[in-house]
Amino acid sequence: MKANEIVRRAAAWTLALLGMFAVSVAAAHWLHGGPALVVAMAIATTQAAFVIIVLMDQRRAPAATRFAAAAGFIWLLLLLALTFADVATRAPAS
């Protein structure tokens, strides 16, 4: 792969991540409450997946490295799901 192609691909992925960031900021500005949280978390998860797959170059990594990255990502999703379940089932403060 030539240097120009590497720079072009990196710039494209950076612009994609910045675009998702802009959508996240716009959603936070216009949406409030539950929908804003859902949109923000979906965008953040997509950004994390892009970073893992593309910027960390997990497509060409050894199998053990890909397994460790996948296990960490699944663990993160589990922690987020448990956090949301905890917040959703709490009684309102009096």
PDB file of N, CA and C in Angstrom:
ATOM      1  N   MET A   1       0.845  -1.170   0.000  1.00  0.00           N
ATOM      2  CA  MET A   1       0.000   0.000   0.000  1.00  0.00           C
ATOM      3  C   MET A   1       0.897   1.242   0.000  1.00  0.00           C
ATOM      4  N   LYS A   2       0.585   2.170  -0.863  1.00  0.00           N
ATOM      5  CA  LYS A   2       1.393   3.387  -0.976  1.00  0.00           C
ATOM      6  C   LYS A   2       1.020   4.368   0.129  1.00  0.00           C
ATOM      7  N   ALA A   3       1.930   5.306   0.361  1.00  0.00           N
ATOM      8  CA  ALA A   3       1.729   6.293   1.423  1.00  0.00           C
ATOM      9  C   ALA A   3       0.505   7.161   1.165  1.00  0.00           C
ATOM     10  N   ASN A   4       0.287   7.549  -0.095  1.00  0.00           N
ATOM     11  CA  ASN A   4      -0.882   8.371  -0.412  1.00  0.00           C
ATOM     12  C   ASN A   4      -2.180   7.646  -0.093  1.00  0.00           C
ATOM     13  N   GLU A   5      -2.231   6.360  -0.398  1.00  0.00           N
ATOM     14  CA  GLU A   5      -3.434   5.575  -0.124  1.00  0.00           C
ATOM     15  C   GLU A   5      -3.665   5.437   1.373  1.00  0.00           C
ATOM     16  N   ILE A   6      -2.616   5.253   2.134  1.00  0.00           N
ATOM     17  CA  ILE A   6      -2.737   5.151   3.590  1.00  0.00           C
ATOM     18  C   ILE A   6      -3.267   6.451   4.172  1.00  0.00           C
ATOM     19  N   VAL A   7      -2.712   7.564   3.725  1.00  0.00           N
ATOM     20  CA  VAL A   7      -3.161   8.869   4.218  1.00  0.00           C
ATOM     21  C   VAL A   7      -4.611   9.121   3.810  1.00  0.00           C
ATOM     22  N   ARG A   8      -4.972   8.773   2.584  1.00  0.00           N
ATOM     23  CA  ARG A   8      -6.338   8.974   2.106  1.00  0.00           C
ATOM     24  C   ARG A   8      -7.330   8.141   2.911  1.00  0.00           C
ATOM     25  N   ARG A   9      -6.996   6.892   3.198  1.00  0.00           N
ATOM     26  CA  ARG A   9      -7.886   6.037   3.981  1.00  0.00           C
ATOM     27  C   ARG A   9      -7.997   6.542   5.414  1.00  0.00           C
ATOM     28  N   ALA A  10      -6.881   6.956   5.994  1.00  0.00           N
ATOM     29  CA  ALA A  10      -6.910   7.481   7.367  1.00  0.00           C
ATOM     30  C   ALA A  10      -7.741   8.753   7.433  1.00  0.00           C
ATOM     31  N   ALA A  11      -7.615   9.599   6.430  1.00  0.00           N
ATOM     32  CA  ALA A  11      -8.407  10.834   6.401  1.00  0.00           C
ATOM     33  C   ALA A  11      -9.888  10.524   6.259  1.00  0.00           C
ATOM     34  N   ALA A  12     -10.227   9.542   5.440  1.00  0.00           N
ATOM     35  CA  ALA A  12     -11.633   9.169   5.259  1.00  0.00           C
ATOM     36  C   ALA A  12     -12.230   8.632   6.567  1.00  0.00           C
ATOM     37  N   TRP A  13     -11.508   7.778   7.262  1.00  0.00           N
ATOM     38  CA  TRP A  13     -12.017   7.238   8.531  1.00  0.00           C
ATOM     39  C   TRP A  13     -12.094   8.329   9.590  1.00  0.00           C
ATOM     40  N   THR A  14     -11.124   9.240   9.592  1.00  0.00           N
ATOM     41  CA  THR A  14     -11.168  10.343  10.551  1.00  0.00           C
ATOM     42  C   THR A  14     -12.377  11.225  10.289  1.00  0.00           C
ATOM     43  N   LEU A  15     -12.658  11.514   9.025  1.00  0.00           N
ATOM     44  CA  LEU A  15     -13.836  12.313   8.689  1.00  0.00           C
ATOM     45  C   LEU A  15     -15.127  11.581   9.052  1.00  0.00           C
ATOM     46  N   ALA A  16     -15.142  10.268   8.878  1.00  0.00           N
ATOM     47  CA  ALA A  16     -16.325   9.494   9.275  1.00  0.00           C
ATOM     48  C   ALA A  16     -16.546   9.579  10.786  1.00  0.00           C
ATOM     49  N   LEU A  17     -15.479   9.450  11.556  1.00  0.00           N
ATOM     50  CA  LEU A  17     -15.596   9.553  13.014  1.00  0.00           C
ATOM     51  C   LEU A  17     -16.015  10.961  13.433  1.00  0.00           C
ATOM     52  N   LEU A  18     -15.461  11.973  12.795  1.00  0.00           N
ATOM     53  CA  LEU A  18     -15.857  13.345  13.104  1.00  0.00           C
ATOM     54  C   LEU A  18     -17.311  13.608  12.713  1.00  0.00           C
ATOM     55  N   GLY A  19     -17.752  13.007  11.612  1.00  0.00           N
ATOM     56  CA  GLY A  19     -19.146  13.130  11.214  1.00  0.00           C
ATOM     57  C   GLY A  19     -20.080  12.509  12.247  1.00  0.00           C
ATOM     58  N   MET A  20     -19.711  11.338  12.749  1.00  0.00           N
ATOM     59  CA  MET A  20     -20.527  10.706  13.792  1.00  0.00           C
ATOM     60  C   MET A  20     -20.520  11.550  15.072  1.00  0.00           C
ATOM     61  N   PHE A  21     -19.390  12.165  15.362  1.00  0.00           N
ATOM     62  CA  PHE A  21     -19.323  13.057  16.516  1.00  0.00           C
ATOM     63  C   PHE A  21     -20.268  14.241  16.328  1.00  0.00           C
ATOM     64  N   ALA A  22     -20.291  14.800  15.125  1.00  0.00           N
ATOM     65  CA  ALA A  22     -21.187  15.932  14.849  1.00  0.00           C
ATOM     66  C   ALA A  22     -22.650  15.513  14.983  1.00  0.00           C
ATOM     67  N   VAL A  23     -22.993  14.320  14.509  1.00  0.00           N
ATOM     68  CA  VAL A  23     -24.362  13.823  14.655  1.00  0.00           C
ATOM     69  C   VAL A  23     -24.697  13.630  16.126  1.00  0.00           C
ATOM     70  N   SER A  24     -23.749  13.149  16.899  1.00  0.00           N
ATOM     71  CA  SER A  24     -23.962  12.956  18.335  1.00  0.00           C
ATOM     72  C   SER A  24     -24.202  14.289  19.046  1.00  0.00           C
ATOM     73  N   VAL A  25     -23.425  15.293  18.693  1.00  0.00           N
ATOM     74  CA  VAL A  25     -23.607  16.616  19.296  1.00  0.00           C
ATOM     75  C   VAL A  25     -24.955  17.208  18.887  1.00  0.00           C
ATOM     76  N   ALA A  26     -25.320  17.056  17.613  1.00  0.00           N
ATOM     77  CA  ALA A  26     -26.613  17.568  17.144  1.00  0.00           C
ATOM     78  C   ALA A  26     -27.764  16.843  17.846  1.00  0.00           C
ATOM     79  N   ALA A  27     -27.644  15.543  18.022  1.00  0.00           N
ATOM     80  CA  ALA A  27     -28.692  14.782  18.709  1.00  0.00           C
ATOM     81  C   ALA A  27     -28.808  15.226  20.162  1.00  0.00           C
ATOM     82  N   ALA A  28     -27.687  15.498  20.803  1.00  0.00           N
ATOM     83  CA  ALA A  28     -27.727  15.964  22.186  1.00  0.00           C
ATOM     84  C   ALA A  28     -28.372  17.343  22.279  1.00  0.00           C
ATOM     85  N   HIS A  29     -28.213  18.137  21.240  1.00  0.00           N
ATOM     86  CA  HIS A  29     -28.788  19.481  21.242  1.00  0.00           C
ATOM     87  C   HIS A  29     -30.298  19.452  21.008  1.00  0.00           C
ATOM     88  N   TRP A  30     -30.754  18.597  20.087  1.00  0.00           N
ATOM     89  CA  TRP A  30     -32.168  18.599  19.712  1.00  0.00           C
ATOM     90  C   TRP A  30     -33.010  17.563  20.444  1.00  0.00           C
ATOM     91  N   LEU A  31     -32.418  16.458  20.827  1.00  0.00           N
ATOM     92  CA  LEU A  31     -33.172  15.415  21.529  1.00  0.00           C
ATOM     93  C   LEU A  31     -32.920  15.530  23.023  1.00  0.00           C
ATOM     94  N   HIS A  32     -33.910  15.158  23.812  1.00  0.00           N
ATOM     95  CA  HIS A  32     -33.751  15.198  25.257  1.00  0.00           C
ATOM     96  C   HIS A  32     -34.305  13.911  25.843  1.00  0.00           C
ATOM     97  N   GLY A  33     -33.754  13.499  26.975  1.00  0.00           N
ATOM     98  CA  GLY A  33     -34.252  12.321  27.665  1.00  0.00           C
ATOM     99  C   GLY A  33     -33.762  11.030  27.041  1.00  0.00           C
ATOM    100  N   GLY A  34     -34.651  10.050  27.025  1.00  0.00           N
ATOM    101  CA  GLY A  34     -34.316   8.715  26.559  1.00  0.00           C
ATOM    102  C   GLY A  34     -33.828   8.625  25.126  1.00  0.00           C
ATOM    103  N   PRO A  35     -34.496   9.286  24.162  1.00  0.00           N
ATOM    104  CA  PRO A  35     -34.034   9.186  22.778  1.00  0.00           C
ATOM    105  C   PRO A  35     -32.600   9.698  22.585  1.00  0.00           C
ATOM    106  N   ALA A  36     -32.244  10.744  23.292  1.00  0.00           N
ATOM    107  CA  ALA A  36     -30.886  11.276  23.165  1.00  0.00           C
ATOM    108  C   ALA A  36     -29.861  10.256  23.652  1.00  0.00           C
ATOM    109  N   LEU A  37     -30.182   9.579  24.736  1.00  0.00           N
ATOM    110  CA  LEU A  37     -29.267   8.577  25.274  1.00  0.00           C
ATOM    111  C   LEU A  37     -29.118   7.401  24.318  1.00  0.00           C
ATOM    112  N   VAL A  38     -30.217   6.961  23.753  1.00  0.00           N
ATOM    113  CA  VAL A  38     -30.168   5.823  22.827  1.00  0.00           C
ATOM    114  C   VAL A  38     -29.345   6.174  21.588  1.00  0.00           C
ATOM    115  N   VAL A  39     -29.578   7.354  21.032  1.00  0.00           N
ATOM    116  CA  VAL A  39     -28.828   7.785  19.843  1.00  0.00           C
ATOM    117  C   VAL A  39     -27.353   7.954  20.178  1.00  0.00           C
ATOM    118  N   ALA A  40     -27.051   8.571  21.306  1.00  0.00           N
ATOM    119  CA  ALA A  40     -25.651   8.782  21.693  1.00  0.00           C
ATOM    120  C   ALA A  40     -24.925   7.456  21.907  1.00  0.00           C
ATOM    121  N   MET A  41     -25.581   6.503  22.549  1.00  0.00           N
ATOM    122  CA  MET A  41     -24.933   5.215  22.795  1.00  0.00           C
ATOM    123  C   MET A  41     -24.758   4.416  21.503  1.00  0.00           C
ATOM    124  N   ALA A  42     -25.718   4.513  20.593  1.00  0.00           N
ATOM    125  CA  ALA A  42     -25.580   3.823  19.305  1.00  0.00           C
ATOM    126  C   ALA A  42     -24.413   4.398  18.512  1.00  0.00           C
ATOM    127  N   ILE A  43     -24.292   5.719  18.512  1.00  0.00           N
ATOM    128  CA  ILE A  43     -23.191   6.352  17.791  1.00  0.00           C
ATOM    129  C   ILE A  43     -21.857   6.017  18.456  1.00  0.00           C
ATOM    130  N   ALA A  44     -21.813   6.036  19.776  1.00  0.00           N
ATOM    131  CA  ALA A  44     -20.572   5.706  20.484  1.00  0.00           C
ATOM    132  C   ALA A  44     -20.152   4.265  20.237  1.00  0.00           C
ATOM    133  N   THR A  45     -21.111   3.350  20.192  1.00  0.00           N
ATOM    134  CA  THR A  45     -20.790   1.947  19.923  1.00  0.00           C
ATOM    135  C   THR A  45     -20.262   1.784  18.504  1.00  0.00           C
ATOM    136  N   THR A  46     -20.863   2.488  17.551  1.00  0.00           N
ATOM    137  CA  THR A  46     -20.387   2.438  16.175  1.00  0.00           C
ATOM    138  C   THR A  46     -18.983   3.011  16.065  1.00  0.00           C
ATOM    139  N   GLN A  47     -18.727   4.107  16.755  1.00  0.00           N
ATOM    140  CA  GLN A  47     -17.388   4.688  16.744  1.00  0.00           C
ATOM    141  C   GLN A  47     -16.366   3.725  17.350  1.00  0.00           C
ATOM    142  N   ALA A  48     -16.724   3.084  18.446  1.00  0.00           N
ATOM    143  CA  ALA A  48     -15.810   2.121  19.071  1.00  0.00           C
ATOM    144  C   ALA A  48     -15.521   0.960  18.127  1.00  0.00           C
ATOM    145  N   ALA A  49     -16.554   0.477  17.438  1.00  0.00           N
ATOM    146  CA  ALA A  49     -16.343  -0.614  16.488  1.00  0.00           C
ATOM    147  C   ALA A  49     -15.424  -0.178  15.353  1.00  0.00           C
ATOM    148  N   PHE A  50     -15.604   1.036  14.829  1.00  0.00           N
ATOM    149  CA  PHE A  50     -14.717   1.550  13.785  1.00  0.00           C
ATOM    150  C   PHE A  50     -13.276   1.620  14.271  1.00  0.00           C
ATOM    151  N   VAL A  51     -13.091   2.125  15.471  1.00  0.00           N
ATOM    152  CA  VAL A  51     -11.740   2.246  16.009  1.00  0.00           C
ATOM    153  C   VAL A  51     -11.104   0.873  16.162  1.00  0.00           C
ATOM    154  N   ILE A  52     -11.860  -0.080  16.674  1.00  0.00           N
ATOM    155  CA  ILE A  52     -11.311  -1.430  16.871  1.00  0.00           C
ATOM    156  C   ILE A  52     -10.983  -2.082  15.537  1.00  0.00           C
ATOM    157  N   ILE A  53     -11.912  -2.042  14.605  1.00  0.00           N
ATOM    158  CA  ILE A  53     -11.731  -2.768  13.350  1.00  0.00           C
ATOM    159  C   ILE A  53     -10.728  -2.085  12.431  1.00  0.00           C
ATOM    160  N   VAL A  54     -10.851  -0.777  12.278  1.00  0.00           N
ATOM    161  CA  VAL A  54     -10.049  -0.086  11.270  1.00  0.00           C
ATOM    162  C   VAL A  54      -8.758   0.481  11.847  1.00  0.00           C
ATOM    163  N   LEU A  55      -8.878   1.322  12.860  1.00  0.00           N
ATOM    164  CA  LEU A  55      -7.679   2.005  13.351  1.00  0.00           C
ATOM    165  C   LEU A  55      -6.734   1.077  14.110  1.00  0.00           C
ATOM    166  N   MET A  56      -7.288   0.097  14.816  1.00  0.00           N
ATOM    167  CA  MET A  56      -6.430  -0.877  15.491  1.00  0.00           C
ATOM    168  C   MET A  56      -6.053  -2.027  14.560  1.00  0.00           C
ATOM    169  N   ASP A  57      -6.591  -2.004  13.335  1.00  0.00           N
ATOM    170  CA  ASP A  57      -6.279  -2.965  12.276  1.00  0.00           C
ATOM    171  C   ASP A  57      -6.498  -4.412  12.730  1.00  0.00           C
ATOM    172  N   GLN A  58      -7.663  -4.658  13.302  1.00  0.00           N
ATOM    173  CA  GLN A  58      -7.975  -5.997  13.786  1.00  0.00           C
ATOM    174  C   GLN A  58      -8.313  -6.972  12.661  1.00  0.00           C
ATOM    175  N   ARG A  59      -8.540  -6.469  11.467  1.00  0.00           N
ATOM    176  CA  ARG A  59      -8.845  -7.367  10.351  1.00  0.00           C
ATOM    177  C   ARG A  59      -7.655  -8.246   9.995  1.00  0.00           C
ATOM    178  N   ARG A  60      -6.460  -7.733  10.153  1.00  0.00           N
ATOM    179  CA  ARG A  60      -5.258  -8.489   9.789  1.00  0.00           C
ATOM    180  C   ARG A  60      -4.458  -8.935  11.001  1.00  0.00           C
ATOM    181  N   ALA A  61      -5.029  -8.816  12.188  1.00  0.00           N
ATOM    182  CA  ALA A  61      -4.319  -9.193  13.413  1.00  0.00           C
ATOM    183  C   ALA A  61      -4.358 -10.714  13.589  1.00  0.00           C
ATOM    184  N   PRO A  62      -3.442 -11.236  14.386  1.00  0.00           N
ATOM    185  CA  PRO A  62      -3.488 -12.675  14.688  1.00  0.00           C
ATOM    186  C   PRO A  62      -4.783 -13.035  15.419  1.00  0.00           C
ATOM    187  N   ALA A  63      -5.125 -14.304  15.361  1.00  0.00           N
ATOM    188  CA  ALA A  63      -6.391 -14.768  15.932  1.00  0.00           C
ATOM    189  C   ALA A  63      -6.494 -14.467  17.429  1.00  0.00           C
ATOM    190  N   ALA A  64      -5.416 -14.650  18.163  1.00  0.00           N
ATOM    191  CA  ALA A  64      -5.455 -14.406  19.613  1.00  0.00           C
ATOM    192  C   ALA A  64      -5.718 -12.925  19.908  1.00  0.00           C
ATOM    193  N   THR A  65      -5.155 -12.043  19.120  1.00  0.00           N
ATOM    194  CA  THR A  65      -5.376 -10.609  19.307  1.00  0.00           C
ATOM    195  C   THR A  65      -6.814 -10.243  18.984  1.00  0.00           C
ATOM    196  N   ARG A  66      -7.352 -10.810  17.899  1.00  0.00           N
ATOM    197  CA  ARG A  66      -8.753 -10.553  17.550  1.00  0.00           C
ATOM    198  C   ARG A  66      -9.685 -11.088  18.633  1.00  0.00           C
ATOM    199  N   PHE A  67      -9.375 -12.254  19.181  1.00  0.00           N
ATOM    200  CA  PHE A  67     -10.195 -12.822  20.245  1.00  0.00           C
ATOM    201  C   PHE A  67     -10.176 -11.923  21.483  1.00  0.00           C
ATOM    202  N   ALA A  68      -9.009 -11.425  21.860  1.00  0.00           N
ATOM    203  CA  ALA A  68      -8.901 -10.546  23.031  1.00  0.00           C
ATOM    204  C   ALA A  68      -9.667  -9.243  22.807  1.00  0.00           C
ATOM    205  N   ALA A  69      -9.574  -8.677  21.611  1.00  0.00           N
ATOM    206  CA  ALA A  69     -10.311  -7.443  21.312  1.00  0.00           C
ATOM    207  C   ALA A  69     -11.816  -7.696  21.332  1.00  0.00           C
ATOM    208  N   ALA A  70     -12.253  -8.808  20.760  1.00  0.00           N
ATOM    209  CA  ALA A  70     -13.684  -9.138  20.764  1.00  0.00           C
ATOM    210  C   ALA A  70     -14.178  -9.375  22.183  1.00  0.00           C
ATOM    211  N   ALA A  71     -13.390 -10.062  22.999  1.00  0.00           N
ATOM    212  CA  ALA A  71     -13.789 -10.311  24.388  1.00  0.00           C
ATOM    213  C   ALA A  71     -13.902  -8.998  25.161  1.00  0.00           C
ATOM    214  N   GLY A  72     -12.985  -8.081  24.942  1.00  0.00           N
ATOM    215  CA  GLY A  72     -13.062  -6.779  25.601  1.00  0.00           C
ATOM    216  C   GLY A  72     -14.270  -5.983  25.162  1.00  0.00           C
ATOM    217  N   PHE A  73     -14.584  -6.032  23.870  1.00  0.00           N
ATOM    218  CA  PHE A  73     -15.750  -5.311  23.349  1.00  0.00           C
ATOM    219  C   PHE A  73     -17.041  -5.923  23.892  1.00  0.00           C
ATOM    220  N   ILE A  74     -17.119  -7.230  23.937  1.00  0.00           N
ATOM    221  CA  ILE A  74     -18.305  -7.897  24.493  1.00  0.00           C
ATOM    222  C   ILE A  74     -18.439  -7.576  25.980  1.00  0.00           C
ATOM    223  N   TRP A  75     -17.339  -7.550  26.700  1.00  0.00           N
ATOM    224  CA  TRP A  75     -17.367  -7.196  28.109  1.00  0.00           C
ATOM    225  C   TRP A  75     -17.887  -5.766  28.303  1.00  0.00           C
ATOM    226  N   LEU A  76     -17.443  -4.855  27.451  1.00  0.00           N
ATOM    227  CA  LEU A  76     -17.925  -3.476  27.509  1.00  0.00           C
ATOM    228  C   LEU A  76     -19.432  -3.416  27.264  1.00  0.00           C
ATOM    229  N   LEU A  77     -19.930  -4.144  26.273  1.00  0.00           N
ATOM    230  CA  LEU A  77     -21.366  -4.181  26.006  1.00  0.00           C
ATOM    231  C   LEU A  77     -22.133  -4.754  27.192  1.00  0.00           C
ATOM    232  N   LEU A  78     -21.590  -5.784  27.826  1.00  0.00           N
ATOM    233  CA  LEU A  78     -22.240  -6.373  29.000  1.00  0.00           C
ATOM    234  C   LEU A  78     -22.311  -5.364  30.147  1.00  0.00           C
ATOM    235  N   LEU A  79     -21.232  -4.663  30.396  1.00  0.00           N
ATOM    236  CA  LEU A  79     -21.231  -3.662  31.461  1.00  0.00           C
ATOM    237  C   LEU A  79     -22.217  -2.535  31.175  1.00  0.00           C
ATOM    238  N   LEU A  80     -22.284  -2.101  29.919  1.00  0.00           N
ATOM    239  CA  LEU A  80     -23.255  -1.062  29.554  1.00  0.00           C
ATOM    240  C   LEU A  80     -24.685  -1.565  29.731  1.00  0.00           C
ATOM    241  N   ALA A  81     -24.958  -2.794  29.328  1.00  0.00           N
ATOM    242  CA  ALA A  81     -26.304  -3.358  29.477  1.00  0.00           C
ATOM    243  C   ALA A  81     -26.692  -3.464  30.945  1.00  0.00           C
ATOM    244  N   LEU A  82     -25.783  -3.906  31.789  1.00  0.00           N
ATOM    245  CA  LEU A  82     -26.081  -4.015  33.216  1.00  0.00           C
ATOM    246  C   LEU A  82     -26.268  -2.637  33.855  1.00  0.00           C
ATOM    247  N   THR A  83     -25.500  -1.662  33.412  1.00  0.00           N
ATOM    248  CA  THR A  83     -25.669  -0.302  33.925  1.00  0.00           C
ATOM    249  C   THR A  83     -27.037   0.251  33.550  1.00  0.00           C
ATOM    250  N   PHE A  84     -27.433   0.065  32.292  1.00  0.00           N
ATOM    251  CA  PHE A  84     -28.756   0.531  31.868  1.00  0.00           C
ATOM    252  C   PHE A  84     -29.863  -0.196  32.606  1.00  0.00           C
ATOM    253  N   ALA A  85     -29.694  -1.497  32.847  1.00  0.00           N
ATOM    254  CA  ALA A  85     -30.712  -2.253  33.584  1.00  0.00           C
ATOM    255  C   ALA A  85     -30.822  -1.735  35.013  1.00  0.00           C
ATOM    256  N   ASP A  86     -29.700  -1.402  35.632  1.00  0.00           N
ATOM    257  CA  ASP A  86     -29.720  -0.871  36.993  1.00  0.00           C
ATOM    258  C   ASP A  86     -30.441   0.472  37.044  1.00  0.00           C
ATOM    259  N   VAL A  87     -30.111   1.356  36.127  1.00  0.00           N
ATOM    260  CA  VAL A  87     -30.740   2.681  36.107  1.00  0.00           C
ATOM    261  C   VAL A  87     -32.229   2.569  35.796  1.00  0.00           C
ATOM    262  N   ALA A  88     -32.596   1.680  34.901  1.00  0.00           N
ATOM    263  CA  ALA A  88     -34.001   1.553  34.502  1.00  0.00           C
ATOM    264  C   ALA A  88     -34.874   0.977  35.606  1.00  0.00           C
ATOM    265  N   THR A  89     -34.305   0.180  36.505  1.00  0.00           N
ATOM    266  CA  THR A  89     -35.118  -0.471  37.533  1.00  0.00           C
ATOM    267  C   THR A  89     -35.072   0.225  38.880  1.00  0.00           C
ATOM    268  N   ARG A  90     -34.374   1.343  38.987  1.00  0.00           N
ATOM    269  CA  ARG A  90     -34.340   2.070  40.263  1.00  0.00           C
ATOM    270  C   ARG A  90     -35.623   2.818  40.507  1.00  0.00           C
ATOM    271  N   ALA A  91     -35.976   2.908  41.766  1.00  0.00           N
ATOM    272  CA  ALA A  91     -37.158   3.687  42.144  1.00  0.00           C
ATOM    273  C   ALA A  91     -36.773   5.167  42.108  1.00  0.00           C
ATOM    274  N   PRO A  92     -37.720   6.029  41.775  1.00  0.00           N
ATOM    275  CA  PRO A  92     -37.402   7.467  41.755  1.00  0.00           C
ATOM    276  C   PRO A  92     -37.032   7.959  43.156  1.00  0.00           C
ATOM    277  N   ALA A  93     -36.124   8.906  43.205  1.00  0.00           N
ATOM    278  CA  ALA A  93     -35.708   9.472  44.498  1.00  0.00           C
ATOM    279  C   ALA A  93     -36.856  10.296  45.086  1.00  0.00           C
ATOM    280  N   SER A  94     -37.007  10.181  46.386  1.00  0.00           N
ATOM    281  CA  SER A  94     -38.113  10.931  47.014  1.00  0.00           C
ATOM    282  C   SER A  94     -37.651  12.200  47.664  1.00  0.00           C
TER     283      SER A  94
END
